[in-house]
Amino acid sequence: MMRWPRDWGLQSRMIGTVAMLGVVYAAFVGFLVYLGVGTVMLLVIVAGALLIQYFLSDRLVLSGMGARLLAEDEAPQLHETMTRLSAIAGIPRPRLAVVDSTVPNAFAAGRSPKNAVIAVTTGLMQRLNRDELEAVLAHELSHVRNRDVVVITIAGLLSTAAFFIFRFGLSLGGSGRGYRGGGGGQIDPRAVLVIVALVAGAVYGASFLLIRALSRYREFSADRGSALLTGQPSHLASALAKISGLMERVPTRDLREVEGMNAFFIIPAASRGSILGILDSHPPVEARIAALERLEREMG
């Protein structure tokens, strides 16, 4: 078992992101309560959604992707590789799953190392060699070891909740009756509509940017983890280059079917790029490969 290096950059970003999201959403909920929205209803909805996402996140993700858990006698090479890498990382071996998809990709899910599952697509298994596949599994195992899977899952849920609260605010404002705010005065429903829309839009925008920034950094961190677990950064660099090139040949329809999982994939299924990259869920593949090449030189 190796001594897993503590990534203070990742940990500080995860704590900071969750803390900032908490402040933003607490302020938003307080604002809705001021407008007269039932406090108990809000707390029940938010708490229920968080609990469901926390305890059932792995099942929801697997079900959404149509993944199937692999039995011990299936894909023995994958099980052997995962057993060895998990022993090196010092964590329980995650369950393995396979997704019948031409999209060459992999992802990790689960609230903790004990409940984790790592899934690979058939397209990935068919296209990568043994060393590259091991590097990809090590990358996903690093996500599990860093516990960033549950953080990005919960953070994404909060961002999605902003949209639904926004819709709830629209229906509240469009009901045609006034609401009594905290000051005791009657509030014009049209004003509620505009105010809630603006505030919810700002909340969603802020949370979206925070989550994307965290998502990009955690990919660099998992790349480093893969290099440390395998001792061969070049293997992951080769896998990333190959997956990126293969992705361009996958039919657009297939990519759209799995686009909702982009934040969890090792390489997004549909990467459009954005100005300065602030809207991207992953760093550019070229930057990740360059970082791995630097790491290989450092490791000698």
Protein backbone atom coordinates (compact mmCIF):
# COMPACT_ATOMS: atom_id res chain seq x y z
CA MET A 1 0.00 0.00 0.00
CA MET A 2 1.37 3.39 -0.98
CA ARG A 3 1.18 6.48 1.18
CA TRP A 4 -1.47 8.50 -0.63
CA PRO A 5 -0.29 12.12 -1.03
CA ARG A 6 -2.71 14.64 0.42
CA ASP A 7 -3.90 17.02 -2.28
CA TRP A 8 -4.49 20.20 -0.32
CA GLY A 9 -5.49 22.04 -3.50
CA LEU A 10 -8.32 19.59 -4.19
CA GLN A 11 -9.47 19.42 -0.58
CA SER A 12 -9.52 23.20 -0.15
CA ARG A 13 -11.46 23.57 -3.39
CA MET A 14 -14.02 20.93 -2.39
CA ILE A 15 -14.53 22.50 1.04
CA GLY A 16 -14.63 25.99 -0.43
CA THR A 17 -17.10 25.03 -3.17
CA VAL A 18 -19.49 23.29 -0.78
CA ALA A 19 -19.23 26.16 1.73
CA MET A 20 -19.90 28.83 -0.89
CA LEU A 21 -22.78 26.83 -2.35
CA GLY A 22 -24.21 26.43 1.14
CA VAL A 23 -24.09 30.17 1.78
CA VAL A 24 -25.64 30.95 -1.60
CA TYR A 25 -28.49 28.49 -1.18
CA ALA A 26 -29.14 29.39 2.45
CA ALA A 27 -29.52 33.00 1.35
CA PHE A 28 -31.81 31.96 -1.48
CA VAL A 29 -34.01 29.81 0.75
CA GLY A 30 -34.17 32.64 3.28
CA PHE A 31 -35.25 34.98 0.51
CA LEU A 32 -38.05 32.63 -0.56
CA VAL A 33 -39.18 32.28 3.05
CA TYR A 34 -39.32 36.06 3.30
CA LEU A 35 -41.61 36.08 0.28
CA GLY A 36 -43.97 33.71 2.07
CA VAL A 37 -42.97 30.30 0.74
CA GLY A 38 -43.56 27.58 3.35
CA THR A 39 -40.37 26.92 5.33
CA VAL A 40 -41.28 23.34 6.20
CA MET A 41 -42.03 22.47 2.57
CA LEU A 42 -38.69 23.87 1.41
CA LEU A 43 -36.72 22.03 4.08
CA VAL A 44 -38.49 18.73 3.37
CA ILE A 45 -37.91 19.00 -0.38
CA VAL A 46 -34.24 20.00 -0.10
CA ALA A 47 -33.41 17.50 2.67
CA GLY A 48 -35.25 14.68 0.90
CA ALA A 49 -33.49 15.32 -2.39
CA LEU A 50 -30.08 15.45 -0.70
CA LEU A 51 -30.64 12.22 1.21
CA ILE A 52 -31.86 10.38 -1.88
CA GLN A 53 -28.90 11.63 -3.90
CA TYR A 54 -26.42 10.78 -1.15
CA PHE A 55 -27.57 7.23 -0.46
CA LEU A 56 -28.72 6.23 -3.94
CA SER A 57 -26.34 8.20 -6.16
CA ASP A 58 -24.52 5.09 -7.41
CA ARG A 59 -27.77 3.30 -8.31
CA LEU A 60 -29.21 6.37 -10.00
CA VAL A 61 -26.08 6.88 -12.10
CA LEU A 62 -25.84 3.21 -13.10
CA SER A 63 -29.52 3.07 -13.95
CA GLY A 64 -29.32 6.27 -15.98
CA MET A 65 -26.42 4.88 -18.01
CA GLY A 66 -27.91 1.40 -18.37
CA ALA A 67 -24.85 -0.08 -16.64
CA ARG A 68 -24.68 -3.70 -15.50
CA LEU A 69 -22.63 -4.87 -12.52
CA LEU A 70 -19.98 -7.43 -13.43
CA ALA A 71 -19.94 -10.75 -11.60
CA GLU A 72 -16.66 -12.02 -10.19
CA ASP A 73 -16.23 -14.52 -13.03
CA GLU A 74 -16.78 -11.88 -15.72
CA ALA A 75 -13.89 -9.87 -17.16
CA PRO A 76 -11.29 -11.44 -14.82
CA GLN A 77 -8.59 -9.09 -16.12
CA LEU A 78 -10.58 -6.05 -14.98
CA HIS A 79 -11.19 -7.55 -11.54
CA GLU A 80 -7.53 -8.48 -11.13
CA THR A 81 -6.39 -5.01 -12.13
CA MET A 82 -8.87 -3.31 -9.83
CA THR A 83 -7.93 -5.56 -6.92
CA ARG A 84 -4.26 -4.73 -7.34
CA LEU A 85 -4.79 -0.97 -7.75
CA SER A 86 -7.15 -0.84 -4.76
CA ALA A 87 -4.55 -2.59 -2.59
CA ILE A 88 -1.94 -0.02 -3.65
CA ALA A 89 -4.35 2.86 -2.94
CA GLY A 90 -5.31 1.34 0.41
CA ILE A 91 -9.08 1.33 -0.12
CA PRO A 92 -11.74 -1.40 -0.56
CA ARG A 93 -12.07 -2.62 -4.13
CA PRO A 94 -14.96 -0.83 -5.85
CA ARG A 95 -17.58 -2.81 -7.71
CA LEU A 96 -17.15 -2.98 -11.46
CA ALA A 97 -19.84 -2.31 -14.05
CA VAL A 98 -20.01 -2.26 -17.82
CA VAL A 99 -22.05 -0.03 -20.12
CA ASP A 100 -22.95 -1.33 -23.57
CA SER A 101 -22.01 1.79 -25.53
CA THR A 102 -19.78 2.67 -28.47
CA VAL A 103 -18.68 5.81 -26.60
CA PRO A 104 -15.19 5.02 -25.20
CA ASN A 105 -15.39 6.24 -21.63
CA ALA A 106 -15.37 5.43 -17.91
CA PHE A 107 -16.76 6.95 -14.71
CA ALA A 108 -16.94 6.45 -10.95
CA ALA A 109 -19.96 6.80 -8.65
CA GLY A 110 -20.82 6.23 -5.01
CA ARG A 111 -20.88 8.14 -1.74
CA SER A 112 -17.70 6.58 -0.26
CA PRO A 113 -14.91 4.12 -1.09
CA LYS A 114 -16.95 1.33 0.55
CA ASN A 115 -19.95 2.01 -1.72
CA ALA A 116 -18.09 2.96 -4.88
CA VAL A 117 -18.59 1.55 -8.35
CA ILE A 118 -16.42 2.11 -11.41
CA ALA A 119 -17.96 1.59 -14.83
CA VAL A 120 -16.36 1.24 -18.24
CA THR A 121 -18.01 1.14 -21.62
CA THR A 122 -17.64 -1.71 -24.07
CA GLY A 123 -16.25 0.83 -26.53
CA LEU A 124 -13.42 1.63 -24.12
CA MET A 125 -12.59 -2.01 -23.41
CA GLN A 126 -12.40 -2.78 -27.12
CA ARG A 127 -10.18 0.15 -28.07
CA LEU A 128 -7.55 0.45 -25.30
CA ASN A 129 -4.67 -1.90 -24.64
CA ARG A 130 -4.10 -3.41 -21.20
CA ASP A 131 -1.75 -0.68 -19.93
CA GLU A 132 -4.06 2.13 -21.09
CA LEU A 133 -7.11 0.46 -19.56
CA GLU A 134 -5.26 0.05 -16.26
CA ALA A 135 -4.37 3.76 -16.30
CA VAL A 136 -8.01 4.70 -16.87
CA LEU A 137 -9.15 2.47 -14.01
CA ALA A 138 -6.48 4.06 -11.80
CA HIS A 139 -7.79 7.51 -12.75
CA GLU A 140 -11.33 6.58 -11.71
CA LEU A 141 -10.03 4.89 -8.55
CA SER A 142 -8.28 8.17 -7.69
CA HIS A 143 -11.64 9.94 -7.86
CA VAL A 144 -12.95 7.42 -5.35
CA ARG A 145 -9.87 7.74 -3.12
CA ASN A 146 -10.12 11.54 -3.16
CA ARG A 147 -13.84 11.36 -2.30
CA ASP A 148 -14.58 14.00 -4.91
CA VAL A 149 -17.34 11.90 -6.52
CA VAL A 150 -19.87 12.55 -3.76
CA VAL A 151 -18.90 16.24 -3.54
CA ILE A 152 -19.46 16.85 -7.25
CA THR A 153 -22.71 14.82 -7.09
CA ILE A 154 -24.20 16.81 -4.22
CA ALA A 155 -22.97 20.09 -5.66
CA GLY A 156 -24.62 19.22 -8.96
CA LEU A 157 -27.85 18.41 -7.17
CA LEU A 158 -27.86 21.82 -5.49
CA SER A 159 -27.30 23.49 -8.84
CA THR A 160 -30.20 21.54 -10.34
CA ALA A 161 -32.35 22.43 -7.34
CA ALA A 162 -31.86 26.11 -8.18
CA PHE A 163 -33.56 25.52 -11.50
CA PHE A 164 -36.56 23.82 -9.92
CA ILE A 165 -36.84 26.48 -7.22
CA PHE A 166 -36.73 28.99 -10.04
CA ARG A 167 -39.63 27.21 -11.75
CA PHE A 168 -41.48 27.06 -8.44
CA GLY A 169 -40.95 30.79 -8.07
CA LEU A 170 -42.38 31.38 -11.52
CA SER A 171 -45.52 29.42 -10.71
CA LEU A 172 -45.75 31.26 -7.39
CA GLY A 173 -45.55 34.62 -9.08
CA GLY A 174 -47.96 33.67 -11.83
CA SER A 175 -50.74 32.49 -9.53
CA GLY A 176 -52.36 35.88 -9.61
CA ARG A 177 -52.47 36.60 -5.89
CA GLY A 178 -50.30 38.65 -3.59
CA TYR A 179 -47.97 37.26 -0.93
CA ARG A 180 -47.22 38.68 2.45
CA GLY A 181 -43.49 39.18 2.96
CA GLY A 182 -41.55 39.34 6.15
CA GLY A 183 -42.32 43.03 6.55
CA GLY A 184 -46.06 42.37 6.64
CA GLY A 185 -46.80 44.14 3.36
CA GLN A 186 -48.55 42.61 0.35
CA ILE A 187 -46.20 41.76 -2.54
CA ASP A 188 -47.27 42.09 -6.16
CA PRO A 189 -47.05 38.60 -7.75
CA ARG A 190 -45.49 40.12 -10.87
CA ALA A 191 -42.70 41.55 -8.71
CA VAL A 192 -42.23 38.12 -7.15
CA LEU A 193 -41.88 36.66 -10.65
CA VAL A 194 -39.17 39.12 -11.67
CA ILE A 195 -37.26 39.05 -8.37
CA VAL A 196 -37.25 35.27 -8.02
CA ALA A 197 -36.21 34.88 -11.66
CA LEU A 198 -33.28 37.26 -11.24
CA VAL A 199 -32.11 35.83 -7.92
CA ALA A 200 -32.51 32.20 -9.05
CA GLY A 201 -30.63 32.98 -12.25
CA ALA A 202 -27.77 34.49 -10.24
CA VAL A 203 -27.74 31.50 -7.87
CA TYR A 204 -27.69 28.99 -10.70
CA GLY A 205 -24.97 30.91 -12.55
CA ALA A 206 -22.73 31.18 -9.48
CA SER A 207 -23.14 27.51 -8.55
CA PHE A 208 -22.56 26.41 -12.15
CA LEU A 209 -19.23 28.24 -12.34
CA LEU A 210 -18.11 26.97 -8.92
CA ILE A 211 -18.89 23.36 -9.83
CA ARG A 212 -17.17 23.59 -13.20
CA ALA A 213 -14.01 25.04 -11.62
CA LEU A 214 -13.93 22.20 -9.09
CA SER A 215 -14.61 19.63 -11.80
CA ARG A 216 -11.65 20.79 -13.90
CA TYR A 217 -9.22 20.69 -10.98
CA ARG A 218 -10.34 17.25 -9.83
CA GLU A 219 -9.50 15.81 -13.25
CA PHE A 220 -5.89 17.00 -12.94
CA SER A 221 -5.79 15.52 -9.44
CA ALA A 222 -7.14 12.14 -10.62
CA ASP A 223 -4.62 12.15 -13.48
CA ARG A 224 -1.82 12.56 -10.93
CA GLY A 225 -3.33 9.77 -8.84
CA SER A 226 -3.38 7.46 -11.83
CA ALA A 227 0.27 8.21 -12.57
CA LEU A 228 1.24 7.44 -8.97
CA LEU A 229 -0.77 4.20 -8.81
CA THR A 230 0.59 2.80 -12.07
CA GLY A 231 4.01 4.44 -12.00
CA GLN A 232 3.56 5.17 -15.71
CA PRO A 233 2.07 8.62 -16.53
CA SER A 234 2.62 7.91 -20.23
CA HIS A 235 0.01 5.14 -20.16
CA LEU A 236 -2.76 7.53 -19.14
CA ALA A 237 -1.49 10.16 -21.59
CA SER A 238 -1.74 7.57 -24.36
CA ALA A 239 -5.26 6.58 -23.22
CA LEU A 240 -6.44 10.20 -23.13
CA ALA A 241 -5.09 10.87 -26.60
CA LYS A 242 -6.69 7.72 -27.97
CA ILE A 243 -10.08 8.32 -26.31
CA SER A 244 -10.14 11.93 -27.51
CA GLY A 245 -9.43 10.85 -31.08
CA LEU A 246 -11.98 8.05 -30.97
CA MET A 247 -14.66 10.37 -29.58
CA GLU A 248 -14.60 12.40 -32.77
CA ARG A 249 -15.71 9.32 -34.71
CA VAL A 250 -18.62 8.37 -32.44
CA PRO A 251 -22.06 9.17 -33.97
CA THR A 252 -23.54 12.39 -32.60
CA ARG A 253 -26.70 10.56 -31.53
CA ASP A 254 -24.68 8.22 -29.29
CA LEU A 255 -22.83 11.15 -27.74
CA ARG A 256 -26.05 12.99 -26.95
CA GLU A 257 -27.47 9.95 -25.19
CA VAL A 258 -24.72 10.08 -22.56
CA GLU A 259 -23.98 13.82 -22.52
CA GLY A 260 -25.68 14.20 -19.13
CA MET A 261 -22.81 12.23 -17.56
CA ASN A 262 -20.08 14.54 -18.85
CA ALA A 263 -19.06 15.72 -15.38
CA PHE A 264 -18.27 12.12 -14.38
CA PHE A 265 -16.59 10.90 -17.57
CA ILE A 266 -12.82 10.78 -17.93
CA ILE A 267 -13.29 12.80 -21.13
CA PRO A 268 -16.61 14.59 -21.85
CA ALA A 269 -18.76 12.97 -24.52
CA ALA A 270 -19.52 16.34 -26.10
CA SER A 271 -16.88 19.00 -25.48
CA ARG A 272 -17.70 22.27 -27.21
CA GLY A 273 -15.15 24.43 -25.43
CA SER A 274 -15.75 27.93 -24.11
CA ILE A 275 -14.01 31.26 -23.75
CA LEU A 276 -11.12 30.82 -21.29
CA GLY A 277 -12.54 27.36 -20.51
CA ILE A 278 -14.62 28.64 -17.57
CA LEU A 279 -17.72 26.76 -18.72
CA ASP A 280 -15.95 23.46 -19.41
CA SER A 281 -16.31 20.48 -17.07
CA HIS A 282 -12.84 19.16 -18.00
CA PRO A 283 -9.47 20.75 -18.78
CA PRO A 284 -8.29 20.49 -22.39
CA VAL A 285 -6.87 17.06 -23.19
CA GLU A 286 -3.67 18.74 -24.41
CA ALA A 287 -3.16 20.39 -21.01
CA ARG A 288 -3.73 17.09 -19.18
CA ILE A 289 -1.26 15.26 -21.41
CA ALA A 290 1.32 18.03 -20.94
CA ALA A 291 0.91 17.77 -17.16
CA LEU A 292 1.40 14.01 -17.32
CA GLU A 293 4.53 14.43 -19.43
CA ARG A 294 5.95 16.83 -16.84
CA LEU A 295 5.11 14.35 -14.10
CA GLU A 296 6.87 11.56 -16.01
CA ARG A 297 10.03 13.64 -16.22
CA GLU A 298 9.83 14.37 -12.50
CA MET A 299 9.36 10.69 -11.69
CA GLY A 300 12.37 9.82 -13.84
